[in-house]
């Protein structure tokens, strides 16, 4: 019974999300990197601890947001082609 459930005629590798797992992961991480850094720049948290900064370091946040955007765009291009 287990052999019948595992067999597939579709020709896919049977892995979760098929052969597109890496682009989906890069899309998720790149999008989160972009969204998190943009949110940190635009709206810092209202409650801060004693060791927290008043605002996010602007240069580092912009660089990380750009890297996230590049990764997300690469992943979208990979998935759409």
C-alpha atoms as a PDB file:
ATOM      1  CA  UNK A   1       0.000   0.000   0.000  1.00  0.00           C
ATOM      2  CA  UNK A   2       2.800   2.426   0.833  1.00  0.00           C
ATOM      3  CA  UNK A   3       4.509   1.658  -2.463  1.00  0.00           C
ATOM      4  CA  UNK A   4       1.384   2.592  -4.371  1.00  0.00           C
ATOM      5  CA  UNK A   5       1.069   5.887  -2.538  1.00  0.00           C
ATOM      6  CA  UNK A   6       4.697   6.803  -3.167  1.00  0.00           C
ATOM      7  CA  UNK A   7       4.653   5.935  -6.875  1.00  0.00           C
ATOM      8  CA  UNK A   8       3.906   8.744  -9.261  1.00  0.00           C
ATOM      9  CA  UNK A   9       3.367   8.842 -13.023  1.00  0.00           C
ATOM     10  CA  UNK A  10       3.810  12.607 -13.238  1.00  0.00           C
ATOM     11  CA  UNK A  11       7.585  12.368 -13.654  1.00  0.00           C
ATOM     12  CA  UNK A  12       8.327  14.742 -10.806  1.00  0.00           C
ATOM     13  CA  UNK A  13      11.005  14.012  -8.247  1.00  0.00           C
ATOM     14  CA  UNK A  14       8.425  13.643  -5.484  1.00  0.00           C
ATOM     15  CA  UNK A  15      10.105  16.276  -3.343  1.00  0.00           C
ATOM     16  CA  UNK A  16       8.104  18.973  -1.622  1.00  0.00           C
ATOM     17  CA  UNK A  17       7.354  21.691  -4.232  1.00  0.00           C
ATOM     18  CA  UNK A  18       9.102  19.586  -6.870  1.00  0.00           C
ATOM     19  CA  UNK A  19      12.211  20.887  -8.559  1.00  0.00           C
ATOM     20  CA  UNK A  20      11.428  24.512  -7.607  1.00  0.00           C
ATOM     21  CA  UNK A  21      12.181  24.237  -3.895  1.00  0.00           C
ATOM     22  CA  UNK A  22      15.328  26.403  -3.941  1.00  0.00           C
ATOM     23  CA  UNK A  23      13.754  29.320  -5.873  1.00  0.00           C
ATOM     24  CA  UNK A  24      10.757  29.278  -3.517  1.00  0.00           C
ATOM     25  CA  UNK A  25      13.068  29.387  -0.493  1.00  0.00           C
ATOM     26  CA  UNK A  26      15.135  32.213  -2.003  1.00  0.00           C
ATOM     27  CA  UNK A  27      11.926  34.103  -2.788  1.00  0.00           C
ATOM     28  CA  UNK A  28      10.723  33.727   0.800  1.00  0.00           C
ATOM     29  CA  UNK A  29      14.027  34.733   2.385  1.00  0.00           C
ATOM     30  CA  UNK A  30      14.624  37.602  -0.049  1.00  0.00           C
ATOM     31  CA  UNK A  31      11.099  38.928   0.426  1.00  0.00           C
ATOM     32  CA  UNK A  32      11.386  38.731   4.195  1.00  0.00           C
ATOM     33  CA  UNK A  33      14.769  40.469   4.092  1.00  0.00           C
ATOM     34  CA  UNK A  34      13.334  43.249   1.941  1.00  0.00           C
ATOM     35  CA  UNK A  35      10.131  43.686   3.932  1.00  0.00           C
ATOM     36  CA  UNK A  36      11.793  43.519   7.344  1.00  0.00           C
ATOM     37  CA  UNK A  37      14.458  46.082   6.564  1.00  0.00           C
ATOM     38  CA  UNK A  38      12.028  48.479   4.876  1.00  0.00           C
ATOM     39  CA  UNK A  39       9.714  48.178   7.886  1.00  0.00           C
ATOM     40  CA  UNK A  40      12.639  48.843  10.253  1.00  0.00           C
ATOM     41  CA  UNK A  41      13.519  51.999   8.334  1.00  0.00           C
ATOM     42  CA  UNK A  42       9.986  53.342   7.949  1.00  0.00           C
ATOM     43  CA  UNK A  43       8.493  52.412  11.297  1.00  0.00           C
ATOM     44  CA  UNK A  44      10.816  51.555  14.176  1.00  0.00           C
ATOM     45  CA  UNK A  45       9.233  49.692  17.106  1.00  0.00           C
ATOM     46  CA  UNK A  46       7.403  51.877  19.624  1.00  0.00           C
ATOM     47  CA  UNK A  47       8.677  49.985  22.685  1.00  0.00           C
ATOM     48  CA  UNK A  48      12.420  49.582  23.009  1.00  0.00           C
ATOM     49  CA  UNK A  49      14.571  47.921  25.581  1.00  0.00           C
ATOM     50  CA  UNK A  50      17.538  49.499  27.321  1.00  0.00           C
ATOM     51  CA  UNK A  51      20.062  48.154  24.801  1.00  0.00           C
ATOM     52  CA  UNK A  52      18.018  48.860  21.644  1.00  0.00           C
ATOM     53  CA  UNK A  53      18.894  51.569  19.130  1.00  0.00           C
ATOM     54  CA  UNK A  54      16.601  54.546  18.552  1.00  0.00           C
ATOM     55  CA  UNK A  55      16.393  53.673  14.862  1.00  0.00           C
ATOM     56  CA  UNK A  56      17.785  51.072  12.494  1.00  0.00           C
ATOM     57  CA  UNK A  57      21.214  51.796  10.966  1.00  0.00           C
ATOM     58  CA  UNK A  58      20.214  53.344   7.641  1.00  0.00           C
ATOM     59  CA  UNK A  59      23.122  52.250   5.428  1.00  0.00           C
ATOM     60  CA  UNK A  60      23.068  48.631   6.604  1.00  0.00           C
ATOM     61  CA  UNK A  61      19.280  48.421   6.325  1.00  0.00           C
ATOM     62  CA  UNK A  62      19.275  49.812   2.783  1.00  0.00           C
ATOM     63  CA  UNK A  63      22.036  47.410   1.670  1.00  0.00           C
ATOM     64  CA  UNK A  64      20.207  44.431   3.171  1.00  0.00           C
ATOM     65  CA  UNK A  65      16.891  45.531   1.611  1.00  0.00           C
ATOM     66  CA  UNK A  66      18.552  45.809  -1.806  1.00  0.00           C
ATOM     67  CA  UNK A  67      20.097  42.334  -1.413  1.00  0.00           C
ATOM     68  CA  UNK A  68      16.678  40.969  -0.469  1.00  0.00           C
ATOM     69  CA  UNK A  69      15.101  42.623  -3.515  1.00  0.00           C
ATOM     70  CA  UNK A  70      17.771  41.158  -5.816  1.00  0.00           C
ATOM     71  CA  UNK A  71      17.256  37.690  -4.352  1.00  0.00           C
ATOM     72  CA  UNK A  72      13.468  37.929  -4.641  1.00  0.00           C
ATOM     73  CA  UNK A  73      13.652  39.153  -8.242  1.00  0.00           C
ATOM     74  CA  UNK A  74      16.088  36.370  -9.159  1.00  0.00           C
ATOM     75  CA  UNK A  75      13.756  33.810  -7.627  1.00  0.00           C
ATOM     76  CA  UNK A  76      10.712  35.223  -9.429  1.00  0.00           C
ATOM     77  CA  UNK A  77      12.582  35.171 -12.733  1.00  0.00           C
ATOM     78  CA  UNK A  78      13.621  31.570 -12.093  1.00  0.00           C
ATOM     79  CA  UNK A  79      10.084  30.506 -11.285  1.00  0.00           C
ATOM     80  CA  UNK A  80       8.483  32.300 -14.228  1.00  0.00           C
ATOM     81  CA  UNK A  81      10.871  31.012 -16.897  1.00  0.00           C
END
